[in-house]
N, C-alpha and C. Protein backbone atom coordinates (compact mmCIF):
# COMPACT_ATOMS: atom_id res chain seq x y z
N UNK A 1 96.34 175.28 158.81
CA UNK A 1 95.03 175.50 158.16
C UNK A 1 94.51 176.84 158.63
N UNK A 2 93.95 177.54 157.68
CA UNK A 2 93.36 178.83 158.02
C UNK A 2 91.98 178.65 158.59
N UNK A 3 91.60 179.67 159.42
CA UNK A 3 90.28 179.60 160.06
C UNK A 3 89.18 179.67 159.04
N UNK A 4 89.31 180.46 158.00
CA UNK A 4 88.27 180.62 156.97
C UNK A 4 88.05 179.33 156.21
N UNK A 5 89.19 178.66 155.94
CA UNK A 5 89.04 177.41 155.20
C UNK A 5 88.35 176.35 156.02
N UNK A 6 88.62 176.29 157.34
CA UNK A 6 87.98 175.30 158.20
C UNK A 6 86.48 175.53 158.30
N UNK A 7 86.11 176.83 158.42
CA UNK A 7 84.67 177.13 158.53
C UNK A 7 83.96 176.77 157.24
N UNK A 8 84.63 176.99 156.07
CA UNK A 8 83.99 176.67 154.80
C UNK A 8 83.79 175.17 154.64
N UNK A 9 84.81 174.40 155.07
CA UNK A 9 84.69 172.95 154.97
C UNK A 9 83.56 172.43 155.83
N UNK A 10 83.44 173.00 157.02
CA UNK A 10 82.36 172.58 157.92
C UNK A 10 81.01 172.90 157.32
N UNK A 11 80.90 174.07 156.70
CA UNK A 11 79.61 174.45 156.11
C UNK A 11 79.23 173.53 154.96
N UNK A 12 80.27 173.17 154.14
CA UNK A 12 79.97 172.26 153.04
C UNK A 12 79.56 170.88 153.55
N UNK A 13 80.22 170.45 154.62
CA UNK A 13 79.88 169.14 155.18
C UNK A 13 78.45 169.14 155.72
N UNK A 14 78.08 170.27 156.39
CA UNK A 14 76.70 170.36 156.90
C UNK A 14 75.69 170.35 155.74
N UNK A 15 76.04 171.04 154.67
CA UNK A 15 75.12 171.10 153.53
C UNK A 15 74.97 169.71 152.89
N UNK A 16 76.11 169.00 152.76
CA UNK A 16 76.04 167.65 152.18
C UNK A 16 75.21 166.72 153.07
N UNK A 17 75.36 166.84 154.35
CA UNK A 17 74.60 165.98 155.27
C UNK A 17 73.11 166.23 155.18
N UNK A 18 72.75 167.56 155.11
CA UNK A 18 71.33 167.88 155.00
C UNK A 18 70.76 167.37 153.68
N UNK A 19 71.57 167.41 152.62
CA UNK A 19 71.09 166.90 151.33
C UNK A 19 70.83 165.40 151.40
N UNK A 20 71.76 164.71 152.04
CA UNK A 20 71.55 163.27 152.18
C UNK A 20 70.37 162.97 153.09
N UNK A 21 70.28 163.75 154.16
CA UNK A 21 69.20 163.53 155.13
C UNK A 21 67.84 163.80 154.54
N UNK A 22 67.77 164.80 153.65
CA UNK A 22 66.48 165.17 153.06
C UNK A 22 66.10 164.30 151.86
N UNK A 23 66.98 163.38 151.44
CA UNK A 23 66.65 162.52 150.29
C UNK A 23 65.46 161.63 150.64
N UNK A 24 64.47 161.59 149.74
CA UNK A 24 63.22 160.85 150.03
C UNK A 24 63.39 159.34 149.92
N UNK A 25 64.42 158.89 149.18
CA UNK A 25 64.57 157.46 148.97
C UNK A 25 65.44 156.78 150.03
N UNK A 26 65.79 157.51 151.06
CA UNK A 26 66.58 156.94 152.16
C UNK A 26 65.74 156.97 153.42
N UNK A 27 65.60 155.83 154.08
CA UNK A 27 64.76 155.71 155.28
C UNK A 27 65.64 155.83 156.53
N UNK A 28 65.30 156.83 157.37
CA UNK A 28 66.04 157.01 158.62
C UNK A 28 65.18 156.70 159.83
N UNK A 29 63.83 156.78 159.66
CA UNK A 29 62.96 156.54 160.81
C UNK A 29 62.90 155.04 161.07
N UNK A 30 63.08 154.61 162.29
CA UNK A 30 63.02 153.16 162.58
C UNK A 30 61.65 152.58 162.20
N UNK A 31 61.68 151.38 161.59
CA UNK A 31 60.44 150.71 161.19
C UNK A 31 59.69 150.21 162.42
N UNK A 32 58.36 150.27 162.30
CA UNK A 32 57.53 149.80 163.42
C UNK A 32 57.62 148.28 163.52
N UNK A 33 57.53 147.80 164.72
CA UNK A 33 57.54 146.35 164.95
C UNK A 33 56.31 145.72 164.29
N UNK A 34 56.50 144.67 163.45
CA UNK A 34 55.32 144.03 162.83
C UNK A 34 54.45 143.38 163.89
N UNK A 35 53.15 143.49 163.65
CA UNK A 35 52.21 142.88 164.59
C UNK A 35 52.12 141.38 164.34
N UNK A 36 52.31 140.62 165.35
CA UNK A 36 52.21 139.17 165.26
C UNK A 36 50.76 138.77 165.55
N UNK A 37 50.14 138.19 164.52
CA UNK A 37 48.74 137.78 164.67
C UNK A 37 48.71 136.41 165.33
N UNK A 38 48.16 136.38 166.47
CA UNK A 38 48.05 135.11 167.18
C UNK A 38 46.93 134.26 166.57
N UNK A 39 47.24 133.01 166.24
CA UNK A 39 46.17 132.15 165.67
C UNK A 39 45.04 131.95 166.68
N UNK A 40 43.84 131.96 166.10
CA UNK A 40 42.69 131.76 166.97
C UNK A 40 42.63 130.31 167.43
N UNK A 41 42.27 130.13 168.64
CA UNK A 41 42.14 128.80 169.19
C UNK A 41 40.86 128.13 168.70
N UNK A 42 40.69 126.87 169.01
CA UNK A 42 39.47 126.17 168.59
C UNK A 42 38.24 126.81 169.23
N UNK A 43 37.09 126.69 168.58
CA UNK A 43 35.87 127.27 169.15
C UNK A 43 35.50 126.60 170.48
N UNK A 44 34.67 127.29 171.22
CA UNK A 44 34.32 126.82 172.55
C UNK A 44 33.58 125.48 172.51
N UNK A 45 32.72 125.29 171.50
CA UNK A 45 31.98 124.02 171.45
C UNK A 45 32.92 122.84 171.23
N UNK A 46 34.02 123.09 170.46
CA UNK A 46 34.97 122.01 170.24
C UNK A 46 35.77 121.72 171.51
N UNK A 47 36.10 122.79 172.24
CA UNK A 47 36.78 122.58 173.52
C UNK A 47 35.90 121.80 174.48
N UNK A 48 34.60 122.17 174.50
CA UNK A 48 33.68 121.47 175.40
C UNK A 48 33.55 120.00 175.01
N UNK A 49 33.53 119.74 173.68
CA UNK A 49 33.45 118.35 173.22
C UNK A 49 34.70 117.58 173.62
N UNK A 50 35.87 118.24 173.51
CA UNK A 50 37.10 117.58 173.90
C UNK A 50 37.11 117.24 175.38
N UNK A 51 36.63 118.19 176.21
CA UNK A 51 36.59 117.92 177.66
C UNK A 51 35.62 116.78 177.97
N UNK A 52 34.49 116.73 177.24
CA UNK A 52 33.52 115.66 177.47
C UNK A 52 34.11 114.30 177.10
N UNK A 53 34.77 114.24 175.92
CA UNK A 53 35.37 112.98 175.50
C UNK A 53 36.47 112.54 176.45
N UNK A 54 37.22 113.50 176.92
CA UNK A 54 38.29 113.15 177.87
C UNK A 54 37.70 112.58 179.15
N UNK A 55 36.62 113.20 179.63
CA UNK A 55 36.01 112.72 180.88
C UNK A 55 35.43 111.33 180.71
N UNK A 56 34.90 111.04 179.50
CA UNK A 56 34.26 109.74 179.28
C UNK A 56 35.29 108.65 179.01
N UNK A 57 36.27 108.95 178.14
CA UNK A 57 37.14 107.88 177.64
C UNK A 57 38.49 107.79 178.35
N UNK A 58 38.86 108.82 179.09
CA UNK A 58 40.16 108.73 179.77
C UNK A 58 40.23 107.55 180.73
N UNK A 59 39.17 107.25 181.51
CA UNK A 59 39.26 106.05 182.38
C UNK A 59 39.45 104.76 181.58
N UNK A 60 38.82 104.69 180.38
CA UNK A 60 39.01 103.50 179.55
C UNK A 60 40.45 103.40 179.08
N UNK A 61 41.03 104.54 178.69
CA UNK A 61 42.42 104.54 178.28
C UNK A 61 43.35 104.11 179.40
N UNK A 62 43.07 104.55 180.61
CA UNK A 62 43.91 104.13 181.74
C UNK A 62 43.80 102.63 181.96
N UNK A 63 42.58 102.08 181.79
CA UNK A 63 42.44 100.63 181.95
C UNK A 63 43.24 99.87 180.90
N UNK A 64 43.38 100.47 179.71
CA UNK A 64 44.15 99.83 178.64
C UNK A 64 45.63 100.15 178.71
N UNK A 65 46.03 100.92 179.74
CA UNK A 65 47.44 101.25 179.90
C UNK A 65 47.91 102.37 179.01
N UNK A 66 47.00 103.25 178.58
CA UNK A 66 47.37 104.37 177.71
C UNK A 66 46.96 105.68 178.35
N UNK A 67 47.79 106.68 178.15
CA UNK A 67 47.44 108.02 178.62
C UNK A 67 46.41 108.62 177.69
N UNK A 68 45.76 109.69 178.17
CA UNK A 68 44.73 110.30 177.35
C UNK A 68 45.25 110.83 176.01
N UNK A 69 46.42 111.53 175.95
CA UNK A 69 46.90 112.00 174.63
C UNK A 69 47.09 110.87 173.62
N UNK A 70 47.53 109.70 174.11
CA UNK A 70 47.69 108.57 173.19
C UNK A 70 46.34 107.97 172.83
N UNK A 71 45.49 107.82 173.83
CA UNK A 71 44.20 107.16 173.60
C UNK A 71 43.30 108.00 172.70
N UNK A 72 43.43 109.33 172.75
CA UNK A 72 42.57 110.15 171.89
C UNK A 72 42.92 109.97 170.42
N UNK A 73 44.22 109.71 170.12
CA UNK A 73 44.58 109.43 168.73
C UNK A 73 44.05 108.07 168.29
N UNK A 74 43.99 107.13 169.22
CA UNK A 74 43.38 105.84 168.91
C UNK A 74 41.91 106.03 168.56
N UNK A 75 41.22 106.86 169.35
CA UNK A 75 39.80 107.12 169.07
C UNK A 75 39.62 107.83 167.73
N UNK A 76 40.52 108.76 167.42
CA UNK A 76 40.43 109.47 166.14
C UNK A 76 40.59 108.48 164.98
N UNK A 77 41.54 107.55 165.12
CA UNK A 77 41.75 106.56 164.07
C UNK A 77 40.52 105.67 163.91
N UNK A 78 39.91 105.27 165.03
CA UNK A 78 38.69 104.45 164.96
C UNK A 78 37.57 105.23 164.29
N UNK A 79 37.43 106.51 164.65
CA UNK A 79 36.39 107.34 164.03
C UNK A 79 36.59 107.51 162.55
N UNK A 80 37.87 107.66 162.12
CA UNK A 80 38.15 107.79 160.68
C UNK A 80 37.79 106.50 159.94
N UNK A 81 38.13 105.35 160.53
CA UNK A 81 37.78 104.08 159.90
C UNK A 81 36.27 103.91 159.81
N UNK A 82 35.56 104.31 160.85
CA UNK A 82 34.10 104.22 160.83
C UNK A 82 33.51 105.12 159.75
N UNK A 83 34.08 106.33 159.61
CA UNK A 83 33.58 107.25 158.58
C UNK A 83 33.81 106.68 157.18
N UNK A 84 34.98 106.07 156.95
CA UNK A 84 35.26 105.46 155.65
C UNK A 84 34.33 104.28 155.39
N UNK A 85 34.02 103.50 156.42
CA UNK A 85 33.11 102.37 156.26
C UNK A 85 31.71 102.85 155.89
N UNK A 86 31.24 103.89 156.57
CA UNK A 86 29.91 104.43 156.25
C UNK A 86 29.88 105.00 154.84
N UNK A 87 30.98 105.69 154.44
CA UNK A 87 31.05 106.23 153.08
C UNK A 87 30.96 105.12 152.05
N UNK A 88 31.64 104.00 152.32
CA UNK A 88 31.59 102.86 151.41
C UNK A 88 30.19 102.27 151.31
N UNK A 89 29.56 102.05 152.48
CA UNK A 89 28.25 101.41 152.47
C UNK A 89 27.17 102.31 151.90
N UNK A 90 27.23 103.61 152.17
CA UNK A 90 26.15 104.50 151.78
C UNK A 90 26.32 105.09 150.39
N UNK A 91 27.56 105.21 149.90
CA UNK A 91 27.78 105.89 148.63
C UNK A 91 28.42 104.95 147.60
N UNK A 92 29.58 104.40 147.94
CA UNK A 92 30.34 103.65 146.93
C UNK A 92 29.66 102.33 146.58
N UNK A 93 29.24 101.57 147.59
CA UNK A 93 28.65 100.25 147.33
C UNK A 93 27.36 100.34 146.51
N UNK A 94 26.44 101.27 146.80
CA UNK A 94 25.24 101.39 145.94
C UNK A 94 25.59 101.73 144.49
N UNK A 95 26.60 102.59 144.29
CA UNK A 95 26.99 102.92 142.92
C UNK A 95 27.54 101.69 142.18
N UNK A 96 28.35 100.89 142.88
CA UNK A 96 28.87 99.68 142.26
C UNK A 96 27.76 98.69 141.96
N UNK A 97 26.78 98.57 142.87
CA UNK A 97 25.66 97.65 142.63
C UNK A 97 24.84 98.08 141.43
N UNK A 98 24.60 99.40 141.31
CA UNK A 98 23.84 99.88 140.16
C UNK A 98 24.58 99.60 138.85
N UNK A 99 25.89 99.80 138.88
CA UNK A 99 26.66 99.56 137.67
C UNK A 99 26.71 98.07 137.35
N UNK A 100 26.79 97.22 138.37
CA UNK A 100 26.86 95.78 138.16
C UNK A 100 25.54 95.24 137.63
N UNK A 101 24.43 95.82 138.10
CA UNK A 101 23.11 95.32 137.72
C UNK A 101 22.54 96.01 136.50
N UNK A 102 23.30 96.91 135.92
CA UNK A 102 22.80 97.62 134.74
C UNK A 102 22.63 96.64 133.60
N UNK A 103 21.47 96.69 132.96
CA UNK A 103 21.17 95.74 131.88
C UNK A 103 22.08 95.99 130.69
N UNK A 104 22.64 94.94 130.11
CA UNK A 104 23.49 95.13 128.93
C UNK A 104 22.69 95.66 127.75
N UNK A 105 23.36 96.42 126.93
CA UNK A 105 22.69 96.97 125.75
C UNK A 105 22.32 95.84 124.79
N UNK A 106 21.13 95.92 124.27
CA UNK A 106 20.64 94.90 123.34
C UNK A 106 21.16 95.21 121.94
N UNK A 107 21.69 94.19 121.29
CA UNK A 107 22.18 94.37 119.95
C UNK A 107 21.02 94.67 119.00
N UNK A 108 21.31 95.51 118.05
CA UNK A 108 20.27 95.90 117.10
C UNK A 108 20.04 94.81 116.04
N UNK A 109 21.08 94.05 115.70
CA UNK A 109 20.96 93.04 114.66
C UNK A 109 20.32 91.79 115.25
N UNK A 110 19.20 91.35 114.68
CA UNK A 110 18.51 90.14 115.12
C UNK A 110 19.01 88.95 114.32
N UNK A 111 19.06 87.80 115.00
CA UNK A 111 19.58 86.59 114.36
C UNK A 111 18.43 85.76 113.80
N UNK A 112 18.66 85.20 112.62
CA UNK A 112 17.75 84.22 112.04
C UNK A 112 18.58 83.03 111.57
N UNK A 113 18.01 81.83 111.53
CA UNK A 113 18.80 80.66 111.15
C UNK A 113 19.20 80.69 109.68
N UNK A 114 20.29 80.00 109.38
CA UNK A 114 20.72 79.87 108.00
C UNK A 114 19.61 79.17 107.19
N UNK A 115 19.31 79.71 106.01
CA UNK A 115 18.17 79.21 105.24
C UNK A 115 18.35 77.75 104.83
N UNK A 116 19.55 77.40 104.35
CA UNK A 116 19.78 76.03 103.91
C UNK A 116 19.63 75.05 105.07
N UNK A 117 20.16 75.43 106.25
CA UNK A 117 20.03 74.56 107.42
C UNK A 117 18.57 74.45 107.84
N UNK A 118 17.84 75.58 107.76
CA UNK A 118 16.43 75.55 108.16
C UNK A 118 15.61 74.66 107.23
N UNK A 119 15.86 74.73 105.92
CA UNK A 119 15.13 73.88 104.97
C UNK A 119 15.43 72.41 105.24
N UNK A 120 16.71 72.08 105.48
CA UNK A 120 17.07 70.69 105.76
C UNK A 120 16.43 70.21 107.06
N UNK A 121 16.35 71.08 108.04
CA UNK A 121 15.73 70.70 109.31
C UNK A 121 14.24 70.41 109.12
N UNK A 122 13.55 71.26 108.37
CA UNK A 122 12.12 71.05 108.15
C UNK A 122 11.88 69.75 107.37
N UNK A 123 12.75 69.46 106.43
CA UNK A 123 12.59 68.21 105.66
C UNK A 123 12.73 67.00 106.58
N UNK A 124 13.73 67.02 107.47
CA UNK A 124 13.91 65.90 108.40
C UNK A 124 12.71 65.76 109.34
N UNK A 125 12.23 66.92 109.84
CA UNK A 125 11.10 66.87 110.75
C UNK A 125 9.83 66.43 110.03
N UNK A 126 9.66 66.84 108.77
CA UNK A 126 8.47 66.43 108.01
C UNK A 126 8.44 64.91 107.80
N UNK A 127 9.61 64.31 107.63
CA UNK A 127 9.65 62.85 107.46
C UNK A 127 9.13 62.14 108.70
N UNK A 128 9.50 62.65 109.88
CA UNK A 128 8.99 62.07 111.12
C UNK A 128 7.48 62.29 111.24
N UNK A 129 7.03 63.48 110.85
CA UNK A 129 5.60 63.79 110.96
C UNK A 129 4.77 62.91 110.03
N UNK A 130 5.30 62.61 108.82
CA UNK A 130 4.55 61.77 107.90
C UNK A 130 4.39 60.35 108.45
N UNK A 131 5.26 59.96 109.36
CA UNK A 131 5.14 58.66 110.00
C UNK A 131 4.26 58.72 111.25
N UNK A 132 3.68 59.90 111.49
CA UNK A 132 2.82 60.06 112.66
C UNK A 132 3.58 60.34 113.95
N UNK A 133 4.86 60.59 113.84
CA UNK A 133 5.69 60.85 115.03
C UNK A 133 5.80 62.37 115.25
N UNK A 134 4.65 62.96 115.55
CA UNK A 134 4.59 64.42 115.64
C UNK A 134 5.42 64.97 116.81
N UNK A 135 5.39 64.28 117.94
CA UNK A 135 6.17 64.74 119.09
C UNK A 135 7.65 64.75 118.80
N UNK A 136 8.14 63.69 118.13
CA UNK A 136 9.55 63.63 117.78
C UNK A 136 9.91 64.73 116.77
N UNK A 137 9.00 64.99 115.85
CA UNK A 137 9.26 66.03 114.86
C UNK A 137 9.39 67.40 115.53
N UNK A 138 8.47 67.71 116.44
CA UNK A 138 8.55 68.99 117.15
C UNK A 138 9.79 69.08 118.02
N UNK A 139 10.13 67.95 118.65
CA UNK A 139 11.32 67.93 119.50
C UNK A 139 12.58 68.14 118.65
N UNK A 140 12.61 67.59 117.45
CA UNK A 140 13.74 67.79 116.55
C UNK A 140 13.88 69.25 116.18
N UNK A 141 12.77 69.90 115.86
CA UNK A 141 12.82 71.34 115.55
C UNK A 141 13.42 72.14 116.70
N UNK A 142 12.97 71.82 117.91
CA UNK A 142 13.44 72.57 119.07
C UNK A 142 14.92 72.33 119.32
N UNK A 143 15.31 71.06 119.30
CA UNK A 143 16.69 70.72 119.64
C UNK A 143 17.68 71.31 118.64
N UNK A 144 17.38 71.19 117.36
CA UNK A 144 18.31 71.71 116.35
C UNK A 144 18.31 73.23 116.31
N UNK A 145 17.19 73.85 116.59
CA UNK A 145 17.15 75.31 116.61
C UNK A 145 18.04 75.85 117.71
N UNK A 146 17.98 75.23 118.87
CA UNK A 146 18.86 75.66 119.98
C UNK A 146 20.32 75.45 119.60
N UNK A 147 20.61 74.34 118.94
CA UNK A 147 21.99 74.07 118.53
C UNK A 147 22.46 75.10 117.51
N UNK A 148 21.57 75.52 116.59
CA UNK A 148 21.95 76.54 115.61
C UNK A 148 22.34 77.84 116.30
N UNK A 149 21.55 78.24 117.29
CA UNK A 149 21.89 79.47 118.01
C UNK A 149 23.20 79.29 118.77
N UNK A 150 23.35 78.15 119.42
CA UNK A 150 24.56 77.93 120.22
C UNK A 150 25.81 77.91 119.33
N UNK A 151 25.67 77.37 118.10
CA UNK A 151 26.83 77.31 117.20
C UNK A 151 27.21 78.68 116.66
N UNK A 152 26.21 79.50 116.35
CA UNK A 152 26.50 80.80 115.72
C UNK A 152 26.70 81.91 116.75
N UNK A 153 25.96 81.88 117.85
CA UNK A 153 26.09 82.92 118.88
C UNK A 153 26.19 82.28 120.27
N UNK A 154 27.32 81.66 120.58
CA UNK A 154 27.43 80.97 121.88
C UNK A 154 27.36 81.91 123.07
N UNK A 155 27.64 83.20 122.85
CA UNK A 155 27.59 84.16 123.96
C UNK A 155 26.17 84.45 124.40
N UNK A 156 25.16 84.07 123.62
CA UNK A 156 23.77 84.35 123.99
C UNK A 156 23.22 83.34 124.99
N UNK A 157 23.76 82.14 125.00
CA UNK A 157 23.18 81.07 125.79
C UNK A 157 24.19 80.56 126.81
N UNK A 158 23.67 80.01 127.89
CA UNK A 158 24.49 79.30 128.85
C UNK A 158 24.14 77.82 128.80
N UNK A 159 24.88 77.03 129.54
CA UNK A 159 24.64 75.59 129.51
C UNK A 159 23.25 75.23 130.05
N UNK A 160 22.70 76.11 130.88
CA UNK A 160 21.40 75.82 131.50
C UNK A 160 20.24 76.57 130.83
N UNK A 161 20.47 77.21 129.70
CA UNK A 161 19.40 77.96 129.04
C UNK A 161 18.29 77.02 128.61
N UNK A 162 17.05 77.42 128.90
CA UNK A 162 15.89 76.61 128.53
C UNK A 162 15.20 77.22 127.31
N UNK A 163 14.31 76.43 126.72
CA UNK A 163 13.57 76.93 125.55
C UNK A 163 12.71 78.13 125.92
N UNK A 164 12.16 78.13 127.12
CA UNK A 164 11.33 79.27 127.54
C UNK A 164 12.18 80.53 127.71
N UNK A 165 13.44 80.38 128.16
CA UNK A 165 14.33 81.54 128.25
C UNK A 165 14.70 82.04 126.86
N UNK A 166 14.91 81.12 125.93
CA UNK A 166 15.22 81.53 124.56
C UNK A 166 14.02 82.24 123.93
N UNK A 167 12.82 81.85 124.33
CA UNK A 167 11.60 82.44 123.77
C UNK A 167 11.44 83.90 124.14
N UNK A 168 12.20 84.40 125.11
CA UNK A 168 12.13 85.83 125.47
C UNK A 168 13.47 86.50 125.23
N UNK A 169 14.34 85.88 124.43
CA UNK A 169 15.65 86.45 124.15
C UNK A 169 15.49 87.70 123.28
N UNK A 170 15.93 88.87 123.74
CA UNK A 170 15.69 90.10 122.98
C UNK A 170 16.36 90.11 121.62
N UNK A 171 17.43 89.35 121.45
CA UNK A 171 18.17 89.38 120.19
C UNK A 171 17.49 88.57 119.08
N UNK A 172 16.48 87.81 119.44
CA UNK A 172 15.70 87.10 118.42
C UNK A 172 14.58 88.01 117.92
N UNK A 173 14.26 87.95 116.64
CA UNK A 173 13.09 88.73 116.17
C UNK A 173 11.81 88.17 116.78
N UNK A 174 10.75 88.92 116.64
CA UNK A 174 9.47 88.52 117.23
C UNK A 174 9.03 87.16 116.72
N UNK A 175 9.25 86.89 115.43
CA UNK A 175 8.87 85.59 114.87
C UNK A 175 9.68 84.47 115.51
N UNK A 176 10.94 84.71 115.83
CA UNK A 176 11.76 83.70 116.48
C UNK A 176 11.31 83.43 117.90
N UNK A 177 11.00 84.47 118.64
CA UNK A 177 10.53 84.26 120.01
C UNK A 177 9.19 83.52 120.01
N UNK A 178 8.32 83.87 119.06
CA UNK A 178 7.02 83.19 118.98
C UNK A 178 7.20 81.72 118.60
N UNK A 179 8.13 81.43 117.67
CA UNK A 179 8.37 80.05 117.24
C UNK A 179 8.87 79.21 118.40
N UNK A 180 9.82 79.73 119.17
CA UNK A 180 10.33 78.98 120.31
C UNK A 180 9.24 78.76 121.35
N UNK A 181 8.40 79.77 121.57
CA UNK A 181 7.32 79.61 122.55
C UNK A 181 6.33 78.53 122.11
N UNK A 182 5.96 78.54 120.82
CA UNK A 182 4.99 77.56 120.32
C UNK A 182 5.59 76.16 120.38
N UNK A 183 6.81 76.00 119.89
CA UNK A 183 7.43 74.67 119.86
C UNK A 183 7.69 74.16 121.27
N UNK A 184 8.23 75.03 122.15
CA UNK A 184 8.56 74.60 123.51
C UNK A 184 7.32 74.18 124.28
N UNK A 185 6.22 74.90 124.09
CA UNK A 185 4.98 74.55 124.79
C UNK A 185 4.51 73.16 124.41
N UNK A 186 4.58 72.84 123.13
CA UNK A 186 4.09 71.53 122.69
C UNK A 186 5.06 70.40 123.06
N UNK A 187 6.35 70.66 123.02
CA UNK A 187 7.31 69.64 123.43
C UNK A 187 7.16 69.34 124.92
N UNK A 188 6.98 70.38 125.74
CA UNK A 188 6.78 70.17 127.17
C UNK A 188 5.50 69.38 127.44
N UNK A 189 4.48 69.66 126.65
CA UNK A 189 3.21 68.93 126.83
C UNK A 189 3.42 67.45 126.56
N UNK A 190 4.20 67.13 125.50
CA UNK A 190 4.43 65.74 125.17
C UNK A 190 5.30 65.04 126.22
N UNK A 191 6.26 65.78 126.79
CA UNK A 191 7.18 65.18 127.75
C UNK A 191 6.52 65.00 129.11
N UNK A 192 5.88 66.05 129.61
CA UNK A 192 5.37 66.01 130.98
C UNK A 192 3.95 65.43 131.08
N UNK A 193 3.16 65.59 130.03
CA UNK A 193 1.81 65.03 130.07
C UNK A 193 1.77 63.60 129.57
N UNK A 194 2.94 63.12 129.08
CA UNK A 194 3.02 61.74 128.57
C UNK A 194 1.97 61.49 127.50
N UNK A 195 1.74 62.50 126.66
CA UNK A 195 0.77 62.37 125.57
C UNK A 195 1.40 62.89 124.30
N UNK A 196 1.40 62.06 123.26
CA UNK A 196 2.04 62.47 122.02
C UNK A 196 1.24 63.59 121.37
N UNK A 197 1.92 64.35 120.53
CA UNK A 197 1.28 65.46 119.83
C UNK A 197 0.48 64.94 118.65
N UNK A 198 -0.46 65.75 118.21
CA UNK A 198 -1.25 65.38 117.03
C UNK A 198 -0.85 66.25 115.85
N UNK A 199 -1.55 66.07 114.75
CA UNK A 199 -1.21 66.79 113.52
C UNK A 199 -1.37 68.30 113.70
N UNK A 200 -2.38 68.72 114.45
CA UNK A 200 -2.57 70.15 114.66
C UNK A 200 -1.39 70.76 115.42
N UNK A 201 -0.92 70.05 116.45
CA UNK A 201 0.24 70.54 117.21
C UNK A 201 1.46 70.67 116.29
N UNK A 202 1.67 69.66 115.47
CA UNK A 202 2.83 69.70 114.59
C UNK A 202 2.72 70.84 113.57
N UNK A 203 1.54 71.01 112.99
CA UNK A 203 1.37 72.08 112.00
C UNK A 203 1.60 73.46 112.62
N UNK A 204 1.19 73.64 113.87
CA UNK A 204 1.42 74.92 114.54
C UNK A 204 2.92 75.15 114.76
N UNK A 205 3.64 74.13 115.23
CA UNK A 205 5.08 74.26 115.45
C UNK A 205 5.81 74.46 114.13
N UNK A 206 5.40 73.72 113.09
CA UNK A 206 6.04 73.82 111.77
C UNK A 206 5.84 75.21 111.17
N UNK A 207 4.63 75.73 111.25
CA UNK A 207 4.35 77.05 110.68
C UNK A 207 5.12 78.14 111.41
N UNK A 208 5.21 78.03 112.74
CA UNK A 208 5.94 79.04 113.53
C UNK A 208 7.41 79.04 113.16
N UNK A 209 8.01 77.84 113.02
CA UNK A 209 9.43 77.79 112.67
C UNK A 209 9.66 78.30 111.24
N UNK A 210 8.79 77.95 110.30
CA UNK A 210 8.95 78.40 108.93
C UNK A 210 8.86 79.92 108.82
N UNK A 211 7.97 80.51 109.59
CA UNK A 211 7.87 81.96 109.59
C UNK A 211 9.12 82.60 110.16
N UNK A 212 9.67 81.98 111.21
CA UNK A 212 10.90 82.46 111.81
C UNK A 212 12.06 82.37 110.82
N UNK A 213 12.17 81.25 110.13
CA UNK A 213 13.28 81.05 109.18
C UNK A 213 13.00 81.67 107.82
N UNK A 214 11.82 82.28 107.67
CA UNK A 214 11.44 82.95 106.41
C UNK A 214 11.44 81.96 105.25
N UNK A 215 10.78 80.82 105.50
CA UNK A 215 10.65 79.77 104.49
C UNK A 215 9.18 79.65 104.11
N UNK A 216 8.92 79.57 102.82
CA UNK A 216 7.54 79.38 102.37
C UNK A 216 7.21 77.89 102.40
N UNK A 217 6.21 77.54 103.17
CA UNK A 217 5.86 76.13 103.32
C UNK A 217 5.08 75.64 102.11
N UNK A 218 5.31 74.36 101.82
CA UNK A 218 4.53 73.69 100.77
C UNK A 218 3.47 72.83 101.44
N UNK A 219 2.37 72.68 100.81
CA UNK A 219 1.28 71.88 101.37
C UNK A 219 1.71 70.43 101.49
């Protein structure tokens, strides 16, 4: 090899190296060590609370045969159960009670007795009244009216529903509630006062029921 050729090769190699070295997309400087962020410890008040709880409850844990690390998890579990119990009593249970006690929506359609049944009932009751049996006539009106409601709308009444409860039933029109109140008052008077009704009592009960059933009374 000639000396000139060796020097030229060396120069070209140096030039190629400098070109590679000066390339901006190649990193030669060692990267800095990433900083490791140490997590912050618990606040001082929490540490103080932990030391206080340990001082108070660690003797109890030793009496129960448990070390403090084990006993503190027992206390945490008890505290969580207590928190859930308080949440239930203070938030969930009142909401359930309000929903349970919420008044049902009142139906818009009011019930009235079937006209043919109402006419037949008044005719039967009038026959008793013409015999002077006014208390029986009023009692018949009351008993059959309750049966009519029970047959057509059994969901409105229970086995223990009284005439006075029916007299305030929202699903009855005002005339129906008034009729039940008038008839029930007179029937109770006859039953508990041991005094039969008179013609005026019967006419009041008869008129109230006829108005409820939308029947025009004949003299």
